[in-house]
């Protein structure tokens, strides 16, 4: 079974809304929502990974502030270890480069969106935390 390590970002704006991204239709889990991030590359730290992924996916420079949560998810064909970071935007304007849609939403509205199965636990944690 393939094991993958992923870093993902919890990005909040000044109103406390959270950035979510819709996966491109036609790809793996197309149309489902997720948090920006991606796979750890060889020789890279998790901090470096999330900085790189946010630059590649959103064209922004970010700074990881703290780890929000570590989770694991077993898909039929792969096992994924996630590290979700609270991050701060340092510079840039968010661009939609790889996703079909990007939304800022309140914590209370997270459950209105259909997320990738691996993100469901994080949705629950975000809804419970102030």
N, C-alpha and C. Protein backbone atom coordinates (compact mmCIF):
# COMPACT_ATOMS: atom_id res chain seq x y z
N UNK A 1 0.85 -1.19 0.00
CA UNK A 1 0.00 0.00 0.00
C UNK A 1 0.89 1.24 0.00
N UNK A 2 0.58 2.16 -0.87
CA UNK A 2 1.34 3.39 -1.01
C UNK A 2 1.03 4.33 0.16
N UNK A 3 2.08 4.91 0.77
CA UNK A 3 1.92 5.87 1.86
C UNK A 3 2.39 7.24 1.37
N UNK A 4 1.57 8.26 1.61
CA UNK A 4 1.86 9.62 1.16
C UNK A 4 1.79 10.56 2.35
N UNK A 5 2.71 11.53 2.39
CA UNK A 5 2.68 12.57 3.41
C UNK A 5 2.27 13.87 2.75
N UNK A 6 1.29 14.55 3.35
CA UNK A 6 0.72 15.77 2.77
C UNK A 6 0.74 16.88 3.81
N UNK A 7 1.06 18.10 3.35
CA UNK A 7 0.93 19.31 4.17
C UNK A 7 -0.21 20.13 3.60
N UNK A 8 -1.08 20.65 4.47
CA UNK A 8 -2.22 21.44 4.04
C UNK A 8 -2.31 22.70 4.90
N UNK A 9 -2.93 23.74 4.33
CA UNK A 9 -2.98 25.04 5.00
C UNK A 9 -4.40 25.40 5.44
N UNK A 10 -4.49 25.88 6.66
CA UNK A 10 -5.71 26.52 7.15
C UNK A 10 -5.40 28.02 7.07
N UNK A 11 -5.99 28.68 6.08
CA UNK A 11 -5.76 30.10 5.85
C UNK A 11 -7.02 30.86 6.22
N UNK A 12 -6.89 31.82 7.14
CA UNK A 12 -8.03 32.63 7.58
C UNK A 12 -7.81 34.08 7.16
N UNK A 13 -8.92 34.74 6.82
CA UNK A 13 -8.84 36.17 6.53
C UNK A 13 -9.15 36.97 7.79
N UNK A 14 -9.17 38.29 7.66
CA UNK A 14 -9.38 39.14 8.84
C UNK A 14 -10.79 39.05 9.42
N UNK A 15 -11.72 38.42 8.70
CA UNK A 15 -13.08 38.17 9.22
C UNK A 15 -13.21 36.79 9.83
N UNK A 16 -12.10 36.04 9.87
CA UNK A 16 -12.12 34.70 10.43
C UNK A 16 -12.63 33.63 9.48
N UNK A 17 -12.86 34.01 8.21
CA UNK A 17 -13.30 33.02 7.22
C UNK A 17 -12.11 32.17 6.79
N UNK A 18 -12.41 30.95 6.34
CA UNK A 18 -11.39 29.97 5.97
C UNK A 18 -11.40 29.78 4.46
N UNK A 19 -10.22 29.71 3.87
CA UNK A 19 -10.09 29.51 2.43
C UNK A 19 -10.24 28.03 2.10
N UNK A 20 -11.16 27.72 1.19
CA UNK A 20 -11.31 26.35 0.69
C UNK A 20 -11.22 26.37 -0.83
N UNK A 21 -10.80 25.26 -1.39
CA UNK A 21 -10.57 25.16 -2.83
C UNK A 21 -11.29 23.95 -3.40
N UNK A 22 -11.87 24.12 -4.58
CA UNK A 22 -12.59 23.02 -5.24
C UNK A 22 -11.66 22.36 -6.25
N UNK A 23 -11.47 21.05 -6.08
CA UNK A 23 -10.61 20.29 -6.98
C UNK A 23 -11.15 20.34 -8.40
N UNK A 24 -10.24 20.38 -9.36
CA UNK A 24 -10.62 20.46 -10.77
C UNK A 24 -11.40 19.22 -11.18
N UNK A 25 -12.49 19.46 -11.90
CA UNK A 25 -13.28 18.34 -12.42
C UNK A 25 -12.44 17.57 -13.43
N UNK A 26 -12.62 16.28 -13.47
CA UNK A 26 -11.85 15.44 -14.39
C UNK A 26 -10.63 14.82 -13.74
N UNK A 27 -10.19 15.38 -12.61
CA UNK A 27 -9.06 14.82 -11.89
C UNK A 27 -9.53 13.95 -10.75
N UNK A 28 -8.58 13.47 -9.97
CA UNK A 28 -8.90 12.67 -8.79
C UNK A 28 -9.80 13.48 -7.85
N UNK A 29 -10.94 12.93 -7.48
CA UNK A 29 -11.91 13.57 -6.59
C UNK A 29 -12.34 14.94 -7.10
N UNK A 30 -12.42 15.07 -8.40
CA UNK A 30 -12.82 16.32 -9.03
C UNK A 30 -14.16 16.82 -8.52
N UNK A 31 -14.23 18.12 -8.29
CA UNK A 31 -15.46 18.75 -7.81
C UNK A 31 -15.59 18.81 -6.31
N UNK A 32 -14.81 18.00 -5.58
CA UNK A 32 -14.85 18.04 -4.12
C UNK A 32 -13.99 19.20 -3.61
N UNK A 33 -14.28 19.62 -2.39
CA UNK A 33 -13.55 20.74 -1.78
C UNK A 33 -12.42 20.22 -0.91
N UNK A 34 -11.41 21.07 -0.73
CA UNK A 34 -10.24 20.72 0.07
C UNK A 34 -9.58 21.99 0.57
N UNK A 35 -8.55 21.79 1.37
CA UNK A 35 -7.69 22.89 1.81
C UNK A 35 -6.45 22.89 0.93
N UNK A 36 -5.89 24.06 0.64
CA UNK A 36 -4.70 24.08 -0.21
C UNK A 36 -3.56 23.29 0.42
N UNK A 37 -2.77 22.65 -0.44
CA UNK A 37 -1.64 21.87 0.05
C UNK A 37 -1.28 20.79 -0.93
N UNK A 38 -0.38 19.91 -0.52
CA UNK A 38 0.01 18.85 -1.41
C UNK A 38 1.06 17.94 -0.83
N UNK A 39 1.58 17.09 -1.68
CA UNK A 39 2.49 16.02 -1.27
C UNK A 39 3.89 16.53 -0.94
N UNK A 40 4.43 15.96 0.10
CA UNK A 40 5.81 16.23 0.52
C UNK A 40 6.75 15.63 -0.51
N UNK A 41 7.72 16.44 -0.96
CA UNK A 41 8.71 15.97 -1.91
C UNK A 41 9.96 15.52 -1.17
N UNK A 42 10.73 14.65 -1.79
CA UNK A 42 11.94 14.11 -1.17
C UNK A 42 12.89 15.24 -0.78
N UNK A 43 13.40 15.16 0.45
CA UNK A 43 14.35 16.14 0.96
C UNK A 43 13.73 17.43 1.47
N UNK A 44 12.40 17.49 1.50
CA UNK A 44 11.68 18.69 1.88
C UNK A 44 11.10 18.53 3.28
N UNK A 45 11.07 19.62 4.06
CA UNK A 45 10.39 19.58 5.36
C UNK A 45 8.91 19.88 5.12
N UNK A 46 8.08 19.59 6.11
CA UNK A 46 6.65 19.89 6.00
C UNK A 46 6.42 21.40 5.84
N UNK A 47 7.18 22.21 6.57
CA UNK A 47 7.07 23.67 6.44
C UNK A 47 7.41 24.11 5.01
N UNK A 48 8.47 23.58 4.46
CA UNK A 48 8.86 23.92 3.10
C UNK A 48 7.79 23.47 2.10
N UNK A 49 7.21 22.32 2.36
CA UNK A 49 6.17 21.78 1.48
C UNK A 49 4.97 22.71 1.42
N UNK A 50 4.46 23.15 2.57
CA UNK A 50 3.25 23.97 2.55
C UNK A 50 3.53 25.34 1.94
N UNK A 51 4.73 25.88 2.15
CA UNK A 51 5.10 27.15 1.53
C UNK A 51 5.13 26.99 0.01
N UNK A 52 5.76 25.92 -0.47
CA UNK A 52 5.86 25.66 -1.91
C UNK A 52 4.47 25.45 -2.53
N UNK A 53 3.65 24.62 -1.88
CA UNK A 53 2.33 24.30 -2.43
C UNK A 53 1.45 25.55 -2.52
N UNK A 54 1.48 26.42 -1.51
CA UNK A 54 0.66 27.63 -1.57
C UNK A 54 1.14 28.57 -2.67
N UNK A 55 2.44 28.61 -2.90
CA UNK A 55 2.98 29.41 -4.01
C UNK A 55 2.53 28.82 -5.35
N UNK A 56 2.63 27.50 -5.50
CA UNK A 56 2.26 26.84 -6.76
C UNK A 56 0.75 26.92 -7.04
N UNK A 57 -0.07 26.68 -6.01
CA UNK A 57 -1.51 26.60 -6.20
C UNK A 57 -2.22 27.94 -6.16
N UNK A 58 -1.72 28.87 -5.34
CA UNK A 58 -2.45 30.12 -5.09
C UNK A 58 -1.65 31.38 -5.42
N UNK A 59 -0.36 31.22 -5.71
CA UNK A 59 0.54 32.34 -6.02
C UNK A 59 0.68 33.31 -4.84
N UNK A 60 0.71 32.75 -3.62
CA UNK A 60 0.93 33.58 -2.43
C UNK A 60 2.13 33.05 -1.64
N UNK A 61 2.76 33.96 -0.94
CA UNK A 61 3.82 33.58 0.01
C UNK A 61 3.17 33.50 1.38
N UNK A 62 3.40 32.38 2.07
CA UNK A 62 2.80 32.19 3.40
C UNK A 62 3.88 31.83 4.41
N UNK A 63 3.50 31.95 5.68
CA UNK A 63 4.37 31.53 6.78
C UNK A 63 3.58 30.57 7.66
N UNK A 64 4.10 29.34 7.84
CA UNK A 64 3.43 28.43 8.79
C UNK A 64 3.59 28.98 10.21
N UNK A 65 2.49 29.09 10.94
CA UNK A 65 2.50 29.62 12.30
C UNK A 65 2.54 28.49 13.32
N UNK A 66 1.67 27.50 13.13
CA UNK A 66 1.58 26.38 14.07
C UNK A 66 0.89 25.21 13.38
N UNK A 67 1.01 24.05 13.98
CA UNK A 67 0.30 22.87 13.48
C UNK A 67 -1.10 22.89 14.07
N UNK A 68 -2.10 22.85 13.20
CA UNK A 68 -3.49 22.79 13.66
C UNK A 68 -3.85 21.37 14.07
N UNK A 69 -3.45 20.40 13.24
CA UNK A 69 -3.77 19.00 13.54
C UNK A 69 -2.96 18.07 12.64
N UNK A 70 -2.77 16.87 13.13
CA UNK A 70 -2.20 15.77 12.34
C UNK A 70 -3.29 14.72 12.22
N UNK A 71 -3.54 14.26 11.00
CA UNK A 71 -4.56 13.23 10.79
C UNK A 71 -4.02 12.19 9.81
N UNK A 72 -4.73 11.10 9.73
CA UNK A 72 -4.39 10.03 8.78
C UNK A 72 -5.69 9.58 8.13
N UNK A 73 -5.56 9.14 6.87
CA UNK A 73 -6.75 8.63 6.18
C UNK A 73 -6.35 7.49 5.26
N UNK A 74 -7.16 6.44 5.29
CA UNK A 74 -6.92 5.26 4.46
C UNK A 74 -7.89 5.26 3.28
N UNK A 75 -7.39 5.56 2.10
CA UNK A 75 -8.16 5.38 0.87
C UNK A 75 -7.96 3.94 0.42
N UNK A 76 -8.78 3.44 -0.50
CA UNK A 76 -8.61 2.05 -0.94
C UNK A 76 -7.21 1.75 -1.51
N UNK A 77 -6.61 2.74 -2.16
CA UNK A 77 -5.32 2.50 -2.83
C UNK A 77 -4.12 3.19 -2.19
N UNK A 78 -4.34 3.97 -1.12
CA UNK A 78 -3.22 4.68 -0.50
C UNK A 78 -3.56 5.12 0.92
N UNK A 79 -2.50 5.28 1.70
CA UNK A 79 -2.60 5.75 3.08
C UNK A 79 -1.97 7.13 3.12
N UNK A 80 -2.68 8.11 3.67
CA UNK A 80 -2.17 9.48 3.67
C UNK A 80 -2.03 9.99 5.10
N UNK A 81 -0.87 10.58 5.38
CA UNK A 81 -0.61 11.27 6.65
C UNK A 81 -0.64 12.77 6.36
N UNK A 82 -1.53 13.47 7.06
CA UNK A 82 -1.70 14.91 6.86
C UNK A 82 -1.16 15.70 8.05
N UNK A 83 -0.55 16.83 7.73
CA UNK A 83 -0.26 17.86 8.73
C UNK A 83 -0.96 19.12 8.24
N UNK A 84 -1.90 19.62 9.03
CA UNK A 84 -2.62 20.84 8.71
C UNK A 84 -1.99 21.98 9.51
N UNK A 85 -1.56 23.01 8.80
CA UNK A 85 -0.90 24.16 9.41
C UNK A 85 -1.82 25.37 9.45
N UNK A 86 -1.79 26.10 10.56
CA UNK A 86 -2.31 27.46 10.58
C UNK A 86 -1.23 28.30 9.91
N UNK A 87 -1.61 29.09 8.92
CA UNK A 87 -0.61 29.88 8.20
C UNK A 87 -1.06 31.33 8.10
N UNK A 88 -0.09 32.18 7.80
CA UNK A 88 -0.36 33.60 7.60
C UNK A 88 0.14 33.96 6.20
N UNK A 89 -0.67 34.73 5.48
CA UNK A 89 -0.25 35.21 4.16
C UNK A 89 0.74 36.36 4.36
N UNK A 90 1.91 36.24 3.74
CA UNK A 90 2.93 37.28 3.81
C UNK A 90 2.81 38.26 2.65
N UNK A 91 2.56 37.73 1.45
CA UNK A 91 2.46 38.60 0.28
C UNK A 91 1.74 37.87 -0.85
N UNK A 92 1.32 38.66 -1.82
CA UNK A 92 0.66 38.11 -2.99
C UNK A 92 -0.85 38.24 -2.89
N UNK A 93 -1.49 38.08 -4.03
CA UNK A 93 -2.94 38.07 -4.14
C UNK A 93 -3.34 36.68 -4.59
N UNK A 94 -4.28 36.09 -3.88
CA UNK A 94 -4.68 34.70 -4.18
C UNK A 94 -5.17 34.59 -5.62
N UNK A 95 -4.58 33.65 -6.33
CA UNK A 95 -4.94 33.36 -7.72
C UNK A 95 -5.44 31.91 -7.80
N UNK A 96 -6.43 31.68 -8.64
CA UNK A 96 -6.94 30.33 -8.87
C UNK A 96 -6.14 29.73 -10.02
N UNK A 97 -5.12 28.91 -9.67
CA UNK A 97 -4.22 28.37 -10.69
C UNK A 97 -4.51 26.91 -11.04
N UNK A 98 -4.95 26.11 -10.06
CA UNK A 98 -5.17 24.68 -10.31
C UNK A 98 -6.56 24.21 -9.90
N UNK A 99 -7.31 25.04 -9.20
CA UNK A 99 -8.63 24.66 -8.71
C UNK A 99 -9.73 25.25 -9.59
N UNK A 100 -10.92 24.63 -9.56
CA UNK A 100 -12.06 25.16 -10.31
C UNK A 100 -12.69 26.35 -9.61
N UNK A 101 -12.60 26.39 -8.28
CA UNK A 101 -13.19 27.50 -7.52
C UNK A 101 -12.43 27.65 -6.21
N UNK A 102 -12.50 28.85 -5.66
CA UNK A 102 -11.91 29.17 -4.36
C UNK A 102 -12.93 30.01 -3.62
N UNK A 103 -13.16 29.69 -2.34
CA UNK A 103 -14.15 30.42 -1.54
C UNK A 103 -13.59 30.74 -0.16
N UNK A 104 -13.98 31.89 0.37
CA UNK A 104 -13.78 32.20 1.78
C UNK A 104 -15.11 31.92 2.47
N UNK A 105 -15.10 31.04 3.46
CA UNK A 105 -16.36 30.71 4.14
C UNK A 105 -16.17 30.71 5.66
N UNK A 106 -17.26 30.92 6.36
CA UNK A 106 -17.22 30.87 7.82
C UNK A 106 -17.12 29.43 8.29
N UNK A 107 -16.59 29.23 9.49
CA UNK A 107 -16.49 27.88 10.07
C UNK A 107 -17.85 27.20 10.08
N UNK A 108 -18.88 27.97 10.36
CA UNK A 108 -20.23 27.43 10.47
C UNK A 108 -20.76 26.89 9.14
N UNK A 109 -20.20 27.33 8.03
CA UNK A 109 -20.68 26.90 6.71
C UNK A 109 -19.85 25.77 6.11
N UNK A 110 -18.81 25.33 6.79
CA UNK A 110 -17.95 24.27 6.24
C UNK A 110 -18.74 23.03 5.86
N UNK A 111 -19.70 22.64 6.69
CA UNK A 111 -20.45 21.41 6.42
C UNK A 111 -21.43 21.56 5.26
N UNK A 112 -21.58 22.78 4.71
CA UNK A 112 -22.42 22.99 3.53
C UNK A 112 -21.73 22.53 2.25
N UNK A 113 -20.44 22.24 2.32
CA UNK A 113 -19.64 21.88 1.15
C UNK A 113 -19.25 20.40 1.23
N UNK A 114 -19.12 19.79 0.06
CA UNK A 114 -18.71 18.38 0.02
C UNK A 114 -17.19 18.32 -0.13
N UNK A 115 -16.54 17.90 0.96
CA UNK A 115 -15.08 17.82 1.00
C UNK A 115 -14.59 16.42 0.66
N UNK A 116 -13.32 16.35 0.32
CA UNK A 116 -12.66 15.05 0.14
C UNK A 116 -12.82 14.27 1.45
N UNK A 117 -13.00 12.95 1.39
CA UNK A 117 -13.19 12.16 2.60
C UNK A 117 -12.10 12.36 3.65
N UNK A 118 -10.87 12.56 3.22
CA UNK A 118 -9.76 12.72 4.17
C UNK A 118 -9.85 14.02 4.96
N UNK A 119 -10.63 15.00 4.50
CA UNK A 119 -10.75 16.29 5.18
C UNK A 119 -11.90 16.35 6.17
N UNK A 120 -12.75 15.35 6.21
CA UNK A 120 -13.95 15.40 7.04
C UNK A 120 -13.61 15.58 8.52
N UNK A 121 -12.57 14.90 9.01
CA UNK A 121 -12.18 15.04 10.42
C UNK A 121 -11.73 16.47 10.73
N UNK A 122 -11.02 17.10 9.82
CA UNK A 122 -10.56 18.47 10.03
C UNK A 122 -11.75 19.44 10.03
N UNK A 123 -12.73 19.18 9.18
CA UNK A 123 -13.94 20.01 9.16
C UNK A 123 -14.59 19.99 10.54
N UNK A 124 -14.72 18.81 11.11
CA UNK A 124 -15.32 18.69 12.45
C UNK A 124 -14.50 19.46 13.48
N UNK A 125 -13.18 19.35 13.43
CA UNK A 125 -12.33 20.06 14.38
C UNK A 125 -12.44 21.57 14.21
N UNK A 126 -12.49 22.05 12.97
CA UNK A 126 -12.62 23.49 12.73
C UNK A 126 -13.96 24.02 13.22
N UNK A 127 -15.01 23.26 13.05
CA UNK A 127 -16.34 23.68 13.48
C UNK A 127 -16.42 23.78 15.00
N UNK A 128 -15.63 22.98 15.71
CA UNK A 128 -15.68 22.97 17.18
C UNK A 128 -14.79 24.03 17.82
N UNK A 129 -13.75 24.45 17.12
CA UNK A 129 -12.80 25.41 17.70
C UNK A 129 -13.23 26.85 17.40
N UNK A 130 -12.94 27.68 18.35
CA UNK A 130 -13.25 29.12 18.17
C UNK A 130 -12.05 29.82 17.59
